[in-house]
Amino acid sequence: MKALLLASIAIFQMSSYAQFKTLTSLDWYDSKGKIHKLKDNDFAKKITVIKFFKSNCPGCLSFGLPLVKQLSDHYKNDSKVNVLVAQTVFQGFRSNTLSKLKKIRKKYDLEGLMAHDDMNGKGSALINKYRAGGTPWFIILDGNGNKIFSDYRVSFESLVQLIEGAKKKAF
């Protein structure tokens, strides 16, 4: 009986962390250009915010990226919150490149981890996985990978409320 219970717990944990497979498959670049490979335990007991953008998206440049900068700065020292930024390319493959990602980082002074997601010219794995409606887009995940928010219409105050509420439920 004990072995069955332990096996059930292990299967549940594996299925929960399978939620992060798309995120762990990407190369995440820090502000110095070093590549990080995220692991499932990077998301355990944390709230994860993912900002989707394209370098040629007017809404991303005027609204989404300044908002994620504000959010990143706000949660910079909070070990229970991940703020990730992903260039999710589903069109404009020639203009939304890894070099543009680096220029965007510099222009908006983004310090956190950033990824370029275009599945080698086949589209964004993250857009497909999380069924996002394009860019700019915000996703918030709980520590088990469950999506608790998915939209582009959001303010800084609303994001903070959502994150703080999720933290209270999770921790």
N, C-alpha and C. Protein backbone atom coordinates (compact mmCIF):
# COMPACT_ATOMS: atom_id res chain seq x y z
N MET A 1 0.83 -1.19 0.00
CA MET A 1 0.00 0.00 0.00
C MET A 1 0.88 1.26 0.00
N LYS A 2 1.92 1.25 0.84
CA LYS A 2 2.81 2.40 0.92
C LYS A 2 3.51 2.61 -0.42
N ALA A 3 3.95 1.54 -1.07
CA ALA A 3 4.61 1.64 -2.37
C ALA A 3 3.67 2.23 -3.42
N LEU A 4 2.41 1.84 -3.39
CA LEU A 4 1.42 2.36 -4.33
C LEU A 4 1.21 3.86 -4.11
N LEU A 5 1.13 4.26 -2.87
CA LEU A 5 0.97 5.67 -2.54
C LEU A 5 2.17 6.48 -3.02
N LEU A 6 3.37 5.99 -2.77
CA LEU A 6 4.57 6.70 -3.22
C LEU A 6 4.64 6.78 -4.73
N ALA A 7 4.26 5.71 -5.42
CA ALA A 7 4.24 5.71 -6.88
C ALA A 7 3.22 6.73 -7.40
N SER A 8 2.07 6.82 -6.75
CA SER A 8 1.04 7.78 -7.16
C SER A 8 1.52 9.21 -6.98
N ILE A 9 2.19 9.47 -5.88
CA ILE A 9 2.74 10.81 -5.64
C ILE A 9 3.79 11.15 -6.70
N ALA A 10 4.65 10.21 -7.02
CA ALA A 10 5.69 10.44 -8.03
C ALA A 10 5.08 10.73 -9.40
N ILE A 11 4.04 10.00 -9.77
CA ILE A 11 3.37 10.23 -11.06
C ILE A 11 2.73 11.61 -11.07
N PHE A 12 2.08 12.00 -9.97
CA PHE A 12 1.47 13.32 -9.89
C PHE A 12 2.52 14.41 -10.03
N GLN A 13 3.65 14.25 -9.35
CA GLN A 13 4.71 15.26 -9.43
C GLN A 13 5.27 15.34 -10.84
N MET A 14 5.46 14.20 -11.49
CA MET A 14 5.98 14.22 -12.85
C MET A 14 5.00 14.90 -13.80
N SER A 15 3.70 14.62 -13.64
CA SER A 15 2.72 15.23 -14.53
C SER A 15 2.61 16.73 -14.27
N SER A 16 2.76 17.15 -13.02
CA SER A 16 2.74 18.58 -12.71
C SER A 16 3.92 19.28 -13.37
N TYR A 17 5.09 18.70 -13.23
CA TYR A 17 6.26 19.33 -13.80
C TYR A 17 6.33 19.21 -15.31
N ALA A 18 5.60 18.29 -15.90
CA ALA A 18 5.55 18.21 -17.36
C ALA A 18 4.97 19.49 -17.93
N GLN A 19 4.24 20.23 -17.11
CA GLN A 19 3.68 21.51 -17.53
C GLN A 19 4.79 22.49 -17.95
N PHE A 20 5.98 22.30 -17.43
CA PHE A 20 7.07 23.24 -17.68
C PHE A 20 7.99 22.81 -18.83
N LYS A 21 7.67 21.72 -19.49
CA LYS A 21 8.54 21.17 -20.53
C LYS A 21 8.88 22.20 -21.61
N THR A 22 7.90 22.96 -22.07
CA THR A 22 8.16 23.95 -23.11
C THR A 22 9.12 25.02 -22.61
N LEU A 23 8.96 25.43 -21.37
CA LEU A 23 9.86 26.45 -20.80
C LEU A 23 11.27 25.90 -20.60
N THR A 24 11.38 24.65 -20.20
CA THR A 24 12.71 24.08 -19.95
C THR A 24 13.43 23.70 -21.24
N SER A 25 12.71 23.65 -22.35
CA SER A 25 13.35 23.29 -23.62
C SER A 25 14.03 24.49 -24.29
N LEU A 26 13.71 25.69 -23.85
CA LEU A 26 14.27 26.89 -24.47
C LEU A 26 15.61 27.29 -23.85
N ASP A 27 16.40 28.02 -24.62
CA ASP A 27 17.61 28.66 -24.10
C ASP A 27 17.19 30.01 -23.53
N TRP A 28 17.52 30.25 -22.27
CA TRP A 28 17.19 31.51 -21.60
C TRP A 28 18.48 32.28 -21.40
N TYR A 29 18.52 33.51 -21.88
CA TYR A 29 19.72 34.34 -21.85
C TYR A 29 19.65 35.33 -20.70
N ASP A 30 20.75 35.43 -19.96
CA ASP A 30 20.80 36.44 -18.92
C ASP A 30 21.33 37.75 -19.53
N SER A 31 21.48 38.78 -18.73
CA SER A 31 21.86 40.09 -19.24
C SER A 31 23.30 40.14 -19.76
N LYS A 32 24.08 39.12 -19.45
CA LYS A 32 25.46 39.06 -19.95
C LYS A 32 25.57 38.15 -21.18
N GLY A 33 24.44 37.60 -21.64
CA GLY A 33 24.43 36.74 -22.82
C GLY A 33 24.67 35.27 -22.53
N LYS A 34 24.83 34.93 -21.26
CA LYS A 34 25.04 33.54 -20.87
C LYS A 34 23.71 32.78 -20.99
N ILE A 35 23.79 31.56 -21.53
CA ILE A 35 22.60 30.72 -21.70
C ILE A 35 22.34 29.92 -20.43
N HIS A 36 21.08 29.91 -20.02
CA HIS A 36 20.63 29.12 -18.88
C HIS A 36 19.59 28.12 -19.37
N LYS A 37 19.70 26.91 -18.90
CA LYS A 37 18.68 25.89 -19.16
C LYS A 37 17.88 25.76 -17.87
N LEU A 38 16.63 26.14 -17.91
CA LEU A 38 15.79 26.03 -16.72
C LEU A 38 15.40 24.58 -16.50
N LYS A 39 15.18 24.26 -15.25
CA LYS A 39 14.76 22.91 -14.86
C LYS A 39 13.43 23.01 -14.14
N ASP A 40 12.74 21.89 -14.04
CA ASP A 40 11.44 21.88 -13.38
C ASP A 40 11.47 22.50 -12.00
N ASN A 41 12.53 22.22 -11.24
CA ASN A 41 12.58 22.75 -9.87
C ASN A 41 12.79 24.26 -9.82
N ASP A 42 13.12 24.91 -10.97
CA ASP A 42 13.19 26.37 -11.01
C ASP A 42 11.80 27.00 -10.88
N PHE A 43 10.76 26.18 -11.06
CA PHE A 43 9.38 26.67 -11.02
C PHE A 43 8.63 26.21 -9.78
N ALA A 44 9.16 25.22 -9.09
CA ALA A 44 8.48 24.67 -7.91
C ALA A 44 8.36 25.74 -6.83
N LYS A 45 7.20 25.83 -6.26
CA LYS A 45 6.92 26.76 -5.16
C LYS A 45 7.20 28.21 -5.56
N LYS A 46 6.97 28.52 -6.83
CA LYS A 46 7.14 29.89 -7.32
C LYS A 46 5.99 30.24 -8.24
N ILE A 47 5.70 31.51 -8.30
CA ILE A 47 4.77 32.04 -9.28
C ILE A 47 5.62 32.50 -10.46
N THR A 48 5.23 32.12 -11.66
CA THR A 48 6.00 32.48 -12.84
C THR A 48 5.17 33.36 -13.76
N VAL A 49 5.73 34.51 -14.09
CA VAL A 49 5.12 35.43 -15.04
C VAL A 49 5.94 35.35 -16.31
N ILE A 50 5.26 35.16 -17.44
CA ILE A 50 5.95 35.13 -18.72
C ILE A 50 5.36 36.22 -19.60
N LYS A 51 6.21 37.09 -20.09
CA LYS A 51 5.80 38.15 -20.99
C LYS A 51 6.17 37.73 -22.40
N PHE A 52 5.18 37.64 -23.30
CA PHE A 52 5.41 37.32 -24.70
C PHE A 52 5.48 38.63 -25.49
N PHE A 53 6.45 38.73 -26.38
CA PHE A 53 6.57 39.92 -27.22
C PHE A 53 7.18 39.55 -28.56
N LYS A 54 7.04 40.49 -29.50
CA LYS A 54 7.78 40.44 -30.76
C LYS A 54 8.43 41.81 -30.92
N SER A 55 9.61 41.82 -31.53
CA SER A 55 10.35 43.07 -31.64
C SER A 55 9.70 44.07 -32.59
N ASN A 56 8.77 43.62 -33.44
CA ASN A 56 8.10 44.53 -34.36
C ASN A 56 6.62 44.73 -33.98
N CYS A 57 6.28 44.48 -32.74
CA CYS A 57 4.91 44.63 -32.25
C CYS A 57 4.77 46.00 -31.58
N PRO A 58 3.99 46.92 -32.16
CA PRO A 58 3.85 48.25 -31.58
C PRO A 58 3.34 48.23 -30.13
N GLY A 59 2.39 47.36 -29.81
CA GLY A 59 1.87 47.27 -28.44
C GLY A 59 2.92 46.78 -27.47
N CYS A 60 3.79 45.90 -27.93
CA CYS A 60 4.87 45.40 -27.08
C CYS A 60 5.85 46.51 -26.74
N LEU A 61 6.19 47.30 -27.75
CA LEU A 61 7.19 48.36 -27.58
C LEU A 61 6.65 49.51 -26.74
N SER A 62 5.37 49.84 -26.90
CA SER A 62 4.84 51.00 -26.18
C SER A 62 4.24 50.65 -24.83
N PHE A 63 3.77 49.42 -24.65
CA PHE A 63 3.05 49.05 -23.44
C PHE A 63 3.65 47.84 -22.73
N GLY A 64 3.77 46.72 -23.43
CA GLY A 64 4.14 45.45 -22.81
C GLY A 64 5.53 45.42 -22.22
N LEU A 65 6.53 45.88 -22.95
CA LEU A 65 7.90 45.83 -22.44
C LEU A 65 8.13 46.82 -21.30
N PRO A 66 7.62 48.06 -21.38
CA PRO A 66 7.75 48.92 -20.20
C PRO A 66 7.04 48.34 -18.97
N LEU A 67 5.91 47.67 -19.18
CA LEU A 67 5.19 47.08 -18.06
C LEU A 67 5.98 45.92 -17.44
N VAL A 68 6.58 45.06 -18.27
CA VAL A 68 7.36 43.96 -17.72
C VAL A 68 8.62 44.47 -17.03
N LYS A 69 9.17 45.57 -17.49
CA LYS A 69 10.32 46.19 -16.81
C LYS A 69 9.90 46.62 -15.40
N GLN A 70 8.76 47.28 -15.30
CA GLN A 70 8.25 47.72 -14.01
C GLN A 70 8.00 46.53 -13.09
N LEU A 71 7.41 45.46 -13.64
CA LEU A 71 7.12 44.26 -12.86
C LEU A 71 8.41 43.56 -12.43
N SER A 72 9.37 43.45 -13.33
CA SER A 72 10.66 42.82 -13.01
C SER A 72 11.37 43.57 -11.89
N ASP A 73 11.37 44.87 -11.97
CA ASP A 73 12.00 45.67 -10.92
C ASP A 73 11.29 45.47 -9.59
N HIS A 74 9.96 45.41 -9.63
CA HIS A 74 9.17 45.24 -8.41
C HIS A 74 9.48 43.91 -7.71
N TYR A 75 9.65 42.83 -8.50
CA TYR A 75 9.86 41.49 -7.93
C TYR A 75 11.32 41.03 -7.99
N LYS A 76 12.21 41.95 -8.22
CA LYS A 76 13.63 41.63 -8.38
C LYS A 76 14.20 40.80 -7.23
N ASN A 77 13.81 41.10 -6.01
CA ASN A 77 14.36 40.42 -4.84
C ASN A 77 13.39 39.43 -4.20
N ASP A 78 12.35 39.06 -4.92
CA ASP A 78 11.36 38.13 -4.40
C ASP A 78 11.64 36.73 -4.96
N SER A 79 12.14 35.85 -4.12
CA SER A 79 12.53 34.51 -4.56
C SER A 79 11.34 33.62 -4.90
N LYS A 80 10.12 34.08 -4.64
CA LYS A 80 8.93 33.28 -4.93
C LYS A 80 8.27 33.67 -6.25
N VAL A 81 8.91 34.59 -6.99
CA VAL A 81 8.35 35.04 -8.26
C VAL A 81 9.42 35.03 -9.34
N ASN A 82 9.13 34.33 -10.43
CA ASN A 82 9.96 34.35 -11.64
C ASN A 82 9.31 35.31 -12.63
N VAL A 83 10.07 36.21 -13.22
CA VAL A 83 9.57 37.04 -14.31
C VAL A 83 10.45 36.74 -15.52
N LEU A 84 9.85 36.11 -16.52
CA LEU A 84 10.56 35.72 -17.73
C LEU A 84 10.01 36.50 -18.92
N VAL A 85 10.85 36.74 -19.91
CA VAL A 85 10.44 37.47 -21.10
C VAL A 85 10.82 36.60 -22.31
N ALA A 86 9.84 36.36 -23.19
CA ALA A 86 10.09 35.51 -24.35
C ALA A 86 9.64 36.21 -25.63
N GLN A 87 10.56 36.27 -26.59
CA GLN A 87 10.22 36.73 -27.92
C GLN A 87 9.55 35.56 -28.64
N THR A 88 8.24 35.61 -28.74
CA THR A 88 7.45 34.50 -29.27
C THR A 88 7.10 34.81 -30.73
N VAL A 89 7.86 34.21 -31.63
CA VAL A 89 7.74 34.54 -33.04
C VAL A 89 6.76 33.57 -33.73
N PHE A 90 5.69 34.13 -34.26
CA PHE A 90 4.73 33.34 -35.02
C PHE A 90 4.55 33.91 -36.42
N GLN A 91 5.16 35.03 -36.68
CA GLN A 91 5.24 35.66 -38.00
C GLN A 91 6.39 36.65 -37.94
N GLY A 92 6.83 37.13 -39.09
CA GLY A 92 7.95 38.08 -39.09
C GLY A 92 9.25 37.46 -38.62
N PHE A 93 9.51 36.24 -39.10
CA PHE A 93 10.69 35.50 -38.65
C PHE A 93 12.00 36.22 -38.98
N ARG A 94 12.03 36.95 -40.08
CA ARG A 94 13.27 37.65 -40.46
C ARG A 94 13.54 38.87 -39.60
N SER A 95 12.49 39.48 -39.07
CA SER A 95 12.70 40.69 -38.27
C SER A 95 12.72 40.41 -36.76
N ASN A 96 12.20 39.29 -36.32
CA ASN A 96 12.19 38.94 -34.89
C ASN A 96 13.27 37.88 -34.64
N THR A 97 14.48 38.35 -34.50
CA THR A 97 15.64 37.47 -34.41
C THR A 97 16.27 37.53 -33.02
N LEU A 98 17.20 36.64 -32.80
CA LEU A 98 17.93 36.63 -31.53
C LEU A 98 18.68 37.95 -31.33
N SER A 99 19.23 38.51 -32.40
CA SER A 99 19.94 39.80 -32.25
C SER A 99 18.97 40.91 -31.86
N LYS A 100 17.73 40.85 -32.33
CA LYS A 100 16.71 41.84 -31.92
C LYS A 100 16.37 41.67 -30.45
N LEU A 101 16.34 40.43 -29.98
CA LEU A 101 16.08 40.17 -28.57
C LEU A 101 17.12 40.90 -27.71
N LYS A 102 18.36 40.82 -28.12
CA LYS A 102 19.44 41.47 -27.38
C LYS A 102 19.30 42.99 -27.42
N LYS A 103 18.86 43.54 -28.54
CA LYS A 103 18.66 44.99 -28.64
C LYS A 103 17.48 45.42 -27.76
N ILE A 104 16.44 44.63 -27.74
CA ILE A 104 15.27 44.92 -26.90
C ILE A 104 15.69 44.93 -25.42
N ARG A 105 16.48 43.94 -25.03
CA ARG A 105 16.95 43.88 -23.63
C ARG A 105 17.66 45.18 -23.26
N LYS A 106 18.55 45.62 -24.12
CA LYS A 106 19.32 46.83 -23.85
C LYS A 106 18.43 48.07 -23.84
N LYS A 107 17.55 48.18 -24.83
CA LYS A 107 16.68 49.36 -24.95
C LYS A 107 15.78 49.53 -23.74
N TYR A 108 15.24 48.42 -23.22
CA TYR A 108 14.30 48.48 -22.10
C TYR A 108 14.95 48.15 -20.76
N ASP A 109 16.26 47.98 -20.77
CA ASP A 109 17.02 47.72 -19.55
C ASP A 109 16.45 46.53 -18.77
N LEU A 110 16.23 45.43 -19.48
CA LEU A 110 15.68 44.22 -18.87
C LEU A 110 16.83 43.35 -18.37
N GLU A 111 16.79 42.99 -17.11
CA GLU A 111 17.88 42.23 -16.50
C GLU A 111 17.61 40.74 -16.40
N GLY A 112 16.36 40.33 -16.37
CA GLY A 112 16.01 38.93 -16.14
C GLY A 112 16.28 38.05 -17.35
N LEU A 113 15.86 36.81 -17.22
CA LEU A 113 16.06 35.83 -18.29
C LEU A 113 15.12 36.08 -19.45
N MET A 114 15.67 35.97 -20.66
CA MET A 114 14.91 36.17 -21.89
C MET A 114 15.19 35.03 -22.85
N ALA A 115 14.17 34.65 -23.62
CA ALA A 115 14.32 33.57 -24.60
C ALA A 115 13.82 34.02 -25.96
N HIS A 116 14.35 33.38 -26.98
CA HIS A 116 13.89 33.57 -28.36
C HIS A 116 13.20 32.27 -28.76
N ASP A 117 11.91 32.33 -29.00
CA ASP A 117 11.10 31.14 -29.25
C ASP A 117 10.48 31.20 -30.64
N ASP A 118 11.12 30.52 -31.60
CA ASP A 118 10.56 30.47 -32.95
C ASP A 118 10.58 29.06 -33.55
N MET A 119 10.92 28.07 -32.76
CA MET A 119 10.98 26.67 -33.20
C MET A 119 11.60 26.54 -34.60
N ASN A 120 12.75 27.21 -34.78
CA ASN A 120 13.48 27.17 -36.04
C ASN A 120 12.61 27.53 -37.24
N GLY A 121 11.87 28.62 -37.09
CA GLY A 121 11.04 29.11 -38.19
C GLY A 121 9.68 28.47 -38.32
N LYS A 122 9.28 27.69 -37.33
CA LYS A 122 7.98 27.00 -37.40
C LYS A 122 6.93 27.63 -36.49
N GLY A 123 7.29 28.65 -35.75
CA GLY A 123 6.34 29.29 -34.85
C GLY A 123 6.74 29.14 -33.40
N SER A 124 5.99 29.76 -32.54
CA SER A 124 6.31 29.77 -31.12
C SER A 124 5.70 28.60 -30.38
N ALA A 125 6.54 27.83 -29.70
CA ALA A 125 6.06 26.72 -28.87
C ALA A 125 5.27 27.25 -27.68
N LEU A 126 5.70 28.39 -27.13
CA LEU A 126 5.01 28.96 -25.97
C LEU A 126 3.61 29.46 -26.32
N ILE A 127 3.48 30.13 -27.46
CA ILE A 127 2.16 30.61 -27.90
C ILE A 127 1.22 29.41 -28.03
N ASN A 128 1.71 28.33 -28.63
CA ASN A 128 0.89 27.12 -28.80
C ASN A 128 0.56 26.47 -27.46
N LYS A 129 1.56 26.31 -26.62
CA LYS A 129 1.38 25.63 -25.33
C LYS A 129 0.36 26.35 -24.45
N TYR A 130 0.49 27.66 -24.36
CA TYR A 130 -0.35 28.42 -23.44
C TYR A 130 -1.55 29.08 -24.12
N ARG A 131 -1.72 28.80 -25.41
CA ARG A 131 -2.86 29.32 -26.19
C ARG A 131 -3.02 30.83 -26.04
N ALA A 132 -1.90 31.50 -26.16
CA ALA A 132 -1.90 32.96 -26.08
C ALA A 132 -2.48 33.54 -27.36
N GLY A 133 -3.05 34.72 -27.24
CA GLY A 133 -3.68 35.36 -28.38
C GLY A 133 -2.75 36.24 -29.19
N GLY A 134 -1.46 36.12 -29.00
CA GLY A 134 -0.50 36.92 -29.75
C GLY A 134 0.43 37.67 -28.84
N THR A 135 0.79 38.88 -29.28
CA THR A 135 1.65 39.75 -28.48
C THR A 135 1.06 41.15 -28.51
N PRO A 136 1.26 41.94 -27.47
CA PRO A 136 1.85 41.59 -26.19
C PRO A 136 0.92 40.68 -25.39
N TRP A 137 1.49 39.82 -24.57
CA TRP A 137 0.68 38.86 -23.80
C TRP A 137 1.38 38.54 -22.49
N PHE A 138 0.61 38.39 -21.45
CA PHE A 138 1.12 37.97 -20.16
C PHE A 138 0.48 36.65 -19.75
N ILE A 139 1.30 35.75 -19.21
CA ILE A 139 0.84 34.48 -18.65
C ILE A 139 1.35 34.45 -17.21
N ILE A 140 0.50 34.00 -16.29
CA ILE A 140 0.95 33.76 -14.92
C ILE A 140 0.65 32.30 -14.60
N LEU A 141 1.67 31.59 -14.10
CA LEU A 141 1.56 30.18 -13.74
C LEU A 141 1.80 30.01 -12.25
N ASP A 142 1.07 29.06 -11.66
CA ASP A 142 1.35 28.73 -10.26
C ASP A 142 2.51 27.75 -10.21
N GLY A 143 2.89 27.30 -9.03
CA GLY A 143 4.04 26.42 -8.84
C GLY A 143 3.89 25.04 -9.44
N ASN A 144 2.67 24.69 -9.87
CA ASN A 144 2.44 23.40 -10.53
C ASN A 144 2.29 23.55 -12.04
N GLY A 145 2.45 24.76 -12.54
CA GLY A 145 2.34 24.99 -13.98
C GLY A 145 0.93 25.28 -14.44
N ASN A 146 0.00 25.44 -13.51
CA ASN A 146 -1.37 25.78 -13.90
C ASN A 146 -1.45 27.25 -14.27
N LYS A 147 -2.09 27.51 -15.38
CA LYS A 147 -2.25 28.89 -15.86
C LYS A 147 -3.32 29.57 -15.01
N ILE A 148 -2.95 30.67 -14.37
CA ILE A 148 -3.91 31.39 -13.54
C ILE A 148 -4.26 32.76 -14.14
N PHE A 149 -3.54 33.15 -15.19
CA PHE A 149 -3.88 34.37 -15.92
C PHE A 149 -3.32 34.27 -17.32
N SER A 150 -4.08 34.78 -18.29
CA SER A 150 -3.64 34.78 -19.68
C SER A 150 -4.39 35.89 -20.43
N ASP A 151 -3.69 37.00 -20.70
CA ASP A 151 -4.35 38.11 -21.39
C ASP A 151 -3.32 39.19 -21.70
N TYR A 152 -3.73 40.16 -22.48
CA TYR A 152 -2.88 41.31 -22.74
C TYR A 152 -3.43 42.57 -22.07
N ARG A 153 -4.68 42.55 -21.71
CA ARG A 153 -5.30 43.71 -21.07
C ARG A 153 -5.06 43.63 -19.57
N VAL A 154 -4.02 44.29 -19.13
CA VAL A 154 -3.67 44.22 -17.72
C VAL A 154 -2.84 45.44 -17.34
N SER A 155 -2.98 45.84 -16.10
CA SER A 155 -2.19 46.96 -15.58
C SER A 155 -1.16 46.41 -14.61
N PHE A 156 -0.23 47.25 -14.24
CA PHE A 156 0.77 46.87 -13.24
C PHE A 156 0.08 46.48 -11.94
N GLU A 157 -0.87 47.29 -11.50
CA GLU A 157 -1.57 47.03 -10.25
C GLU A 157 -2.31 45.69 -10.30
N SER A 158 -2.94 45.40 -11.42
CA SER A 158 -3.67 44.12 -11.56
C SER A 158 -2.72 42.93 -11.53
N LEU A 159 -1.58 43.07 -12.20
CA LEU A 159 -0.59 41.98 -12.18
C LEU A 159 -0.09 41.72 -10.76
N VAL A 160 0.22 42.78 -10.05
CA VAL A 160 0.70 42.62 -8.68
C VAL A 160 -0.38 41.96 -7.82
N GLN A 161 -1.63 42.37 -7.96
CA GLN A 161 -2.73 41.76 -7.21
C GLN A 161 -2.84 40.27 -7.51
N LEU A 162 -2.78 39.91 -8.80
CA LEU A 162 -2.86 38.52 -9.20
C LEU A 162 -1.69 37.70 -8.62
N ILE A 163 -0.50 38.24 -8.71
CA ILE A 163 0.69 37.54 -8.21
C ILE A 163 0.62 37.38 -6.70
N GLU A 164 0.29 38.44 -6.01
CA GLU A 164 0.21 38.36 -4.54
C GLU A 164 -0.89 37.40 -4.10
N GLY A 165 -2.02 37.40 -4.79
CA GLY A 165 -3.10 36.46 -4.48
C GLY A 165 -2.66 35.02 -4.71
N ALA A 166 -1.94 34.79 -5.81
CA ALA A 166 -1.44 33.43 -6.11
C ALA A 166 -0.41 32.99 -5.08
N LYS A 167 0.43 33.91 -4.62
CA LYS A 167 1.42 33.59 -3.60
C LYS A 167 0.73 33.16 -2.30
N LYS A 168 -0.32 33.88 -1.92
CA LYS A 168 -1.05 33.55 -0.69
C LYS A 168 -1.67 32.15 -0.77
N LYS A 169 -2.19 31.80 -1.94
CA LYS A 169 -2.80 30.47 -2.11
C LYS A 169 -1.75 29.37 -2.12
N ALA A 170 -0.62 29.67 -2.74
CA ALA A 170 0.41 28.64 -2.94
C ALA A 170 1.31 28.44 -1.72
N PHE A 171 1.53 29.47 -0.95
CA PHE A 171 2.53 29.37 0.11
C PHE A 171 1.87 29.54 1.45
